[in-house]
Amino acid sequence: MSAPNSEPSTLYTKLLGETAAISWQELQPFFARGAVLRVEGTQDLVAVAEALACDDKDKVTRWLTSGDLRKLGELDAEDYLARDPQLWAVVVAPWVLVQERLAAPALH
């Protein structure tokens, strides 16, 4: 039995290269159009983008059901406006996927 392929797909690599930091101020016009999906910090932002781009209904449905992927709501917008967190985004038209960067653990 051969080991599973651990190399990222070409699409994954392409999407990874297209990810970028974004401020809430830059994201607001996309939010106003209802085009922002929030990816929980426990998920791989690029893997979620890849699944959306490939129309992987099983994965996307599982994330939508669990809440790991959802449309950014008003409460999220108010929270982002108040806190101005570090956000990471990638576009899978017509969506902008956004994920809050989790703070690195403090070193002791």
N, C-alpha and C. Protein backbone atom coordinates (compact mmCIF):
# COMPACT_ATOMS: atom_id res chain seq x y z
N MET A 1 0.85 -1.17 0.00
CA MET A 1 0.00 0.00 0.00
C MET A 1 0.90 1.24 0.00
N SER A 2 0.64 2.17 -0.90
CA SER A 2 1.48 3.36 -0.97
C SER A 2 0.95 4.44 -0.03
N ALA A 3 1.85 5.31 0.36
CA ALA A 3 1.49 6.41 1.27
C ALA A 3 0.64 7.41 0.50
N PRO A 4 -0.30 8.07 1.19
CA PRO A 4 -1.12 9.08 0.52
C PRO A 4 -0.24 10.22 0.01
N ASN A 5 -0.65 10.81 -1.07
CA ASN A 5 0.10 11.93 -1.65
C ASN A 5 0.04 13.11 -0.69
N SER A 6 1.19 13.55 -0.23
CA SER A 6 1.22 14.65 0.74
C SER A 6 1.54 15.98 0.06
N GLU A 7 1.75 15.94 -1.26
CA GLU A 7 2.01 17.18 -1.99
C GLU A 7 0.71 17.96 -2.15
N PRO A 8 0.76 19.28 -1.92
CA PRO A 8 -0.47 20.06 -2.14
C PRO A 8 -0.81 20.09 -3.63
N SER A 9 -2.10 20.20 -3.91
CA SER A 9 -2.55 20.27 -5.30
C SER A 9 -2.09 21.59 -5.92
N THR A 10 -2.12 21.63 -7.23
CA THR A 10 -1.77 22.86 -7.95
C THR A 10 -2.73 23.98 -7.57
N LEU A 11 -4.02 23.66 -7.43
CA LEU A 11 -5.01 24.67 -7.05
C LEU A 11 -4.74 25.18 -5.64
N TYR A 12 -4.42 24.27 -4.72
CA TYR A 12 -4.11 24.67 -3.34
C TYR A 12 -2.94 25.65 -3.35
N THR A 13 -1.90 25.30 -4.09
CA THR A 13 -0.70 26.15 -4.16
C THR A 13 -1.04 27.51 -4.76
N LYS A 14 -1.88 27.52 -5.80
CA LYS A 14 -2.31 28.78 -6.44
C LYS A 14 -3.08 29.64 -5.44
N LEU A 15 -4.05 29.02 -4.75
CA LEU A 15 -4.85 29.77 -3.77
C LEU A 15 -4.00 30.27 -2.62
N LEU A 16 -3.05 29.46 -2.18
CA LEU A 16 -2.15 29.88 -1.10
C LEU A 16 -1.40 31.14 -1.51
N GLY A 17 -0.97 31.18 -2.76
CA GLY A 17 -0.26 32.36 -3.27
C GLY A 17 -1.14 33.58 -3.41
N GLU A 18 -2.45 33.38 -3.41
CA GLU A 18 -3.40 34.49 -3.55
C GLU A 18 -3.99 34.95 -2.22
N THR A 19 -3.59 34.32 -1.12
CA THR A 19 -4.08 34.77 0.18
C THR A 19 -3.35 36.03 0.59
N ALA A 20 -4.01 36.86 1.35
CA ALA A 20 -3.40 38.11 1.77
C ALA A 20 -4.06 38.61 3.04
N ALA A 21 -3.30 39.39 3.78
CA ALA A 21 -3.86 40.07 4.95
C ALA A 21 -4.82 41.13 4.42
N ILE A 22 -5.90 41.34 5.16
CA ILE A 22 -6.88 42.35 4.77
C ILE A 22 -7.44 42.99 6.03
N SER A 23 -7.71 44.27 5.96
CA SER A 23 -8.30 44.96 7.11
C SER A 23 -9.82 44.92 6.98
N TRP A 24 -10.49 45.11 8.10
CA TRP A 24 -11.95 45.15 8.06
C TRP A 24 -12.41 46.28 7.15
N GLN A 25 -11.71 47.39 7.18
CA GLN A 25 -12.08 48.53 6.33
C GLN A 25 -12.06 48.13 4.85
N GLU A 26 -11.06 47.36 4.43
CA GLU A 26 -10.98 46.91 3.03
C GLU A 26 -12.05 45.88 2.71
N LEU A 27 -12.47 45.13 3.72
CA LEU A 27 -13.43 44.04 3.53
C LEU A 27 -14.89 44.52 3.51
N GLN A 28 -15.14 45.69 4.09
CA GLN A 28 -16.52 46.18 4.25
C GLN A 28 -17.33 46.24 2.95
N PRO A 29 -16.77 46.69 1.82
CA PRO A 29 -17.58 46.71 0.59
C PRO A 29 -18.05 45.32 0.17
N PHE A 30 -17.21 44.31 0.37
CA PHE A 30 -17.60 42.94 0.03
C PHE A 30 -18.68 42.44 0.99
N PHE A 31 -18.56 42.81 2.27
CA PHE A 31 -19.58 42.45 3.25
C PHE A 31 -20.91 43.09 2.87
N ALA A 32 -20.88 44.36 2.45
CA ALA A 32 -22.11 45.07 2.07
C ALA A 32 -22.82 44.37 0.91
N ARG A 33 -22.06 43.70 0.05
CA ARG A 33 -22.66 42.96 -1.08
C ARG A 33 -23.06 41.54 -0.69
N GLY A 34 -22.79 41.15 0.57
CA GLY A 34 -23.15 39.81 1.02
C GLY A 34 -22.23 38.74 0.47
N ALA A 35 -20.98 39.10 0.18
CA ALA A 35 -20.07 38.19 -0.50
C ALA A 35 -18.93 37.67 0.38
N VAL A 36 -19.09 37.77 1.71
CA VAL A 36 -18.02 37.33 2.60
C VAL A 36 -18.44 36.08 3.37
N LEU A 37 -17.59 35.07 3.30
CA LEU A 37 -17.77 33.85 4.08
C LEU A 37 -16.70 33.81 5.16
N ARG A 38 -17.10 33.48 6.36
CA ARG A 38 -16.19 33.40 7.50
C ARG A 38 -15.78 31.95 7.71
N VAL A 39 -14.47 31.74 7.80
CA VAL A 39 -13.91 30.40 8.04
C VAL A 39 -13.36 30.39 9.47
N GLU A 40 -13.82 29.43 10.26
CA GLU A 40 -13.34 29.32 11.64
C GLU A 40 -11.83 29.10 11.66
N GLY A 41 -11.20 29.61 12.70
CA GLY A 41 -9.75 29.52 12.85
C GLY A 41 -9.22 28.10 12.97
N THR A 42 -10.08 27.15 13.27
CA THR A 42 -9.63 25.77 13.40
C THR A 42 -9.47 25.10 12.03
N GLN A 43 -9.98 25.74 10.98
CA GLN A 43 -9.92 25.18 9.64
C GLN A 43 -8.77 25.79 8.84
N ASP A 44 -8.32 25.08 7.83
CA ASP A 44 -7.30 25.57 6.90
C ASP A 44 -8.02 26.43 5.86
N LEU A 45 -7.78 27.74 5.91
CA LEU A 45 -8.46 28.67 5.02
C LEU A 45 -8.31 28.26 3.56
N VAL A 46 -7.11 27.88 3.16
CA VAL A 46 -6.86 27.54 1.76
C VAL A 46 -7.54 26.23 1.38
N ALA A 47 -7.58 25.27 2.29
CA ALA A 47 -8.28 24.01 2.02
C ALA A 47 -9.78 24.24 1.84
N VAL A 48 -10.35 25.15 2.62
CA VAL A 48 -11.77 25.48 2.47
C VAL A 48 -11.99 26.16 1.12
N ALA A 49 -11.10 27.08 0.76
CA ALA A 49 -11.21 27.75 -0.53
C ALA A 49 -11.11 26.75 -1.68
N GLU A 50 -10.21 25.80 -1.55
CA GLU A 50 -10.04 24.77 -2.57
C GLU A 50 -11.31 23.93 -2.72
N ALA A 51 -11.90 23.55 -1.60
CA ALA A 51 -13.13 22.76 -1.64
C ALA A 51 -14.26 23.54 -2.32
N LEU A 52 -14.36 24.84 -2.04
CA LEU A 52 -15.37 25.67 -2.68
C LEU A 52 -15.11 25.75 -4.18
N ALA A 53 -13.85 25.99 -4.55
CA ALA A 53 -13.49 26.12 -5.96
C ALA A 53 -13.77 24.83 -6.74
N CYS A 54 -13.58 23.70 -6.08
CA CYS A 54 -13.80 22.39 -6.72
C CYS A 54 -15.23 21.89 -6.57
N ASP A 55 -16.08 22.69 -5.93
CA ASP A 55 -17.48 22.32 -5.70
C ASP A 55 -17.59 20.98 -4.97
N ASP A 56 -16.76 20.84 -3.92
CA ASP A 56 -16.79 19.63 -3.09
C ASP A 56 -17.96 19.75 -2.11
N LYS A 57 -19.13 19.34 -2.57
CA LYS A 57 -20.36 19.53 -1.79
C LYS A 57 -20.31 18.86 -0.42
N ASP A 58 -19.70 17.68 -0.33
CA ASP A 58 -19.65 16.97 0.95
C ASP A 58 -18.89 17.78 2.01
N LYS A 59 -17.70 18.24 1.67
CA LYS A 59 -16.91 19.02 2.63
C LYS A 59 -17.60 20.34 2.96
N VAL A 60 -18.05 21.05 1.93
CA VAL A 60 -18.67 22.36 2.16
C VAL A 60 -19.93 22.21 3.01
N THR A 61 -20.74 21.21 2.73
CA THR A 61 -21.95 20.98 3.53
C THR A 61 -21.59 20.67 4.98
N ARG A 62 -20.56 19.86 5.18
CA ARG A 62 -20.12 19.52 6.54
C ARG A 62 -19.69 20.78 7.29
N TRP A 63 -18.93 21.66 6.63
CA TRP A 63 -18.48 22.89 7.29
C TRP A 63 -19.64 23.84 7.55
N LEU A 64 -20.57 23.94 6.60
CA LEU A 64 -21.73 24.81 6.79
C LEU A 64 -22.58 24.30 7.95
N THR A 65 -22.76 22.99 8.03
CA THR A 65 -23.56 22.39 9.10
C THR A 65 -22.92 22.61 10.47
N SER A 66 -21.60 22.48 10.53
CA SER A 66 -20.90 22.62 11.81
C SER A 66 -20.68 24.08 12.21
N GLY A 67 -20.86 25.00 11.26
CA GLY A 67 -20.60 26.41 11.54
C GLY A 67 -19.16 26.81 11.28
N ASP A 68 -18.33 25.87 10.81
CA ASP A 68 -16.94 26.20 10.50
C ASP A 68 -16.83 27.10 9.27
N LEU A 69 -17.88 27.15 8.48
CA LEU A 69 -17.98 28.03 7.32
C LEU A 69 -19.37 28.62 7.34
N ARG A 70 -19.43 29.96 7.27
CA ARG A 70 -20.75 30.60 7.26
C ARG A 70 -20.63 32.00 6.69
N LYS A 71 -21.77 32.50 6.27
CA LYS A 71 -21.80 33.87 5.76
C LYS A 71 -21.53 34.82 6.92
N LEU A 72 -20.69 35.81 6.69
CA LEU A 72 -20.37 36.79 7.72
C LEU A 72 -21.62 37.59 8.03
N GLY A 73 -21.96 37.66 9.31
CA GLY A 73 -23.19 38.34 9.71
C GLY A 73 -22.95 39.71 10.33
N GLU A 74 -24.05 40.38 10.66
CA GLU A 74 -23.99 41.73 11.26
C GLU A 74 -23.18 41.74 12.56
N LEU A 75 -23.41 40.73 13.41
CA LEU A 75 -22.69 40.69 14.68
C LEU A 75 -21.19 40.53 14.45
N ASP A 76 -20.81 39.71 13.45
CA ASP A 76 -19.39 39.58 13.10
C ASP A 76 -18.84 40.93 12.65
N ALA A 77 -19.60 41.62 11.81
CA ALA A 77 -19.16 42.91 11.29
C ALA A 77 -18.94 43.92 12.42
N GLU A 78 -19.89 43.96 13.36
CA GLU A 78 -19.76 44.88 14.49
C GLU A 78 -18.53 44.52 15.33
N ASP A 79 -18.32 43.22 15.53
CA ASP A 79 -17.17 42.76 16.30
C ASP A 79 -15.86 43.14 15.60
N TYR A 80 -15.78 42.90 14.30
CA TYR A 80 -14.57 43.25 13.55
C TYR A 80 -14.33 44.75 13.57
N LEU A 81 -15.39 45.53 13.46
CA LEU A 81 -15.25 46.99 13.50
C LEU A 81 -14.71 47.44 14.86
N ALA A 82 -15.22 46.84 15.93
CA ALA A 82 -14.80 47.23 17.28
C ALA A 82 -13.37 46.79 17.59
N ARG A 83 -13.01 45.57 17.16
CA ARG A 83 -11.70 45.02 17.53
C ARG A 83 -10.61 45.22 16.49
N ASP A 84 -10.98 45.38 15.23
CA ASP A 84 -10.04 45.47 14.11
C ASP A 84 -8.99 44.35 14.16
N PRO A 85 -9.45 43.09 14.13
CA PRO A 85 -8.52 41.97 14.23
C PRO A 85 -7.70 41.78 12.95
N GLN A 86 -6.64 41.01 13.05
CA GLN A 86 -5.86 40.65 11.86
C GLN A 86 -6.65 39.60 11.09
N LEU A 87 -6.95 39.89 9.84
CA LEU A 87 -7.73 38.99 9.00
C LEU A 87 -6.89 38.54 7.81
N TRP A 88 -7.17 37.34 7.36
CA TRP A 88 -6.50 36.73 6.23
C TRP A 88 -7.61 36.37 5.24
N ALA A 89 -7.43 36.64 3.96
CA ALA A 89 -8.50 36.41 3.00
C ALA A 89 -7.99 35.80 1.70
N VAL A 90 -8.90 35.14 1.02
CA VAL A 90 -8.65 34.59 -0.32
C VAL A 90 -9.97 34.65 -1.07
N VAL A 91 -9.89 34.93 -2.37
CA VAL A 91 -11.09 35.05 -3.19
C VAL A 91 -11.33 33.77 -3.96
N VAL A 92 -12.56 33.26 -3.85
CA VAL A 92 -13.07 32.20 -4.71
C VAL A 92 -14.39 32.76 -5.20
N ALA A 93 -14.33 33.40 -6.36
CA ALA A 93 -15.49 34.14 -6.88
C ALA A 93 -16.74 33.28 -6.84
N PRO A 94 -17.86 33.84 -6.38
CA PRO A 94 -18.08 35.24 -6.05
C PRO A 94 -17.79 35.58 -4.59
N TRP A 95 -17.15 34.68 -3.88
CA TRP A 95 -16.94 34.84 -2.44
C TRP A 95 -15.56 35.36 -2.10
N VAL A 96 -15.50 36.08 -0.97
CA VAL A 96 -14.25 36.38 -0.31
C VAL A 96 -14.29 35.58 0.99
N LEU A 97 -13.35 34.65 1.15
CA LEU A 97 -13.27 33.87 2.38
C LEU A 97 -12.34 34.60 3.32
N VAL A 98 -12.76 34.74 4.55
CA VAL A 98 -11.96 35.48 5.53
C VAL A 98 -11.83 34.65 6.80
N GLN A 99 -10.65 34.78 7.39
CA GLN A 99 -10.38 34.07 8.64
C GLN A 99 -9.58 34.98 9.54
N GLU A 100 -9.97 34.98 10.80
CA GLU A 100 -9.21 35.77 11.77
C GLU A 100 -7.94 35.02 12.10
N ARG A 101 -6.83 35.73 12.05
CA ARG A 101 -5.56 35.11 12.41
C ARG A 101 -5.54 34.90 13.91
N LEU A 102 -5.26 33.69 14.30
CA LEU A 102 -5.20 33.39 15.73
C LEU A 102 -3.88 33.88 16.28
N ALA A 103 -3.91 34.44 17.46
CA ALA A 103 -2.70 34.94 18.08
C ALA A 103 -1.78 33.77 18.41
N ALA A 104 -0.52 33.98 18.20
CA ALA A 104 0.47 32.95 18.55
C ALA A 104 0.54 32.85 20.06
N PRO A 105 0.73 31.65 20.57
CA PRO A 105 0.84 31.50 22.03
C PRO A 105 2.06 32.26 22.55
N ALA A 106 1.90 32.83 23.70
CA ALA A 106 3.00 33.58 24.32
C ALA A 106 4.10 32.63 24.74
N LEU A 107 5.33 33.04 24.53
CA LEU A 107 6.47 32.24 24.95
C LEU A 107 6.82 32.58 26.37
N HIS A 108 7.10 31.58 27.17
CA HIS A 108 7.45 31.81 28.58
C HIS A 108 8.88 31.47 28.81
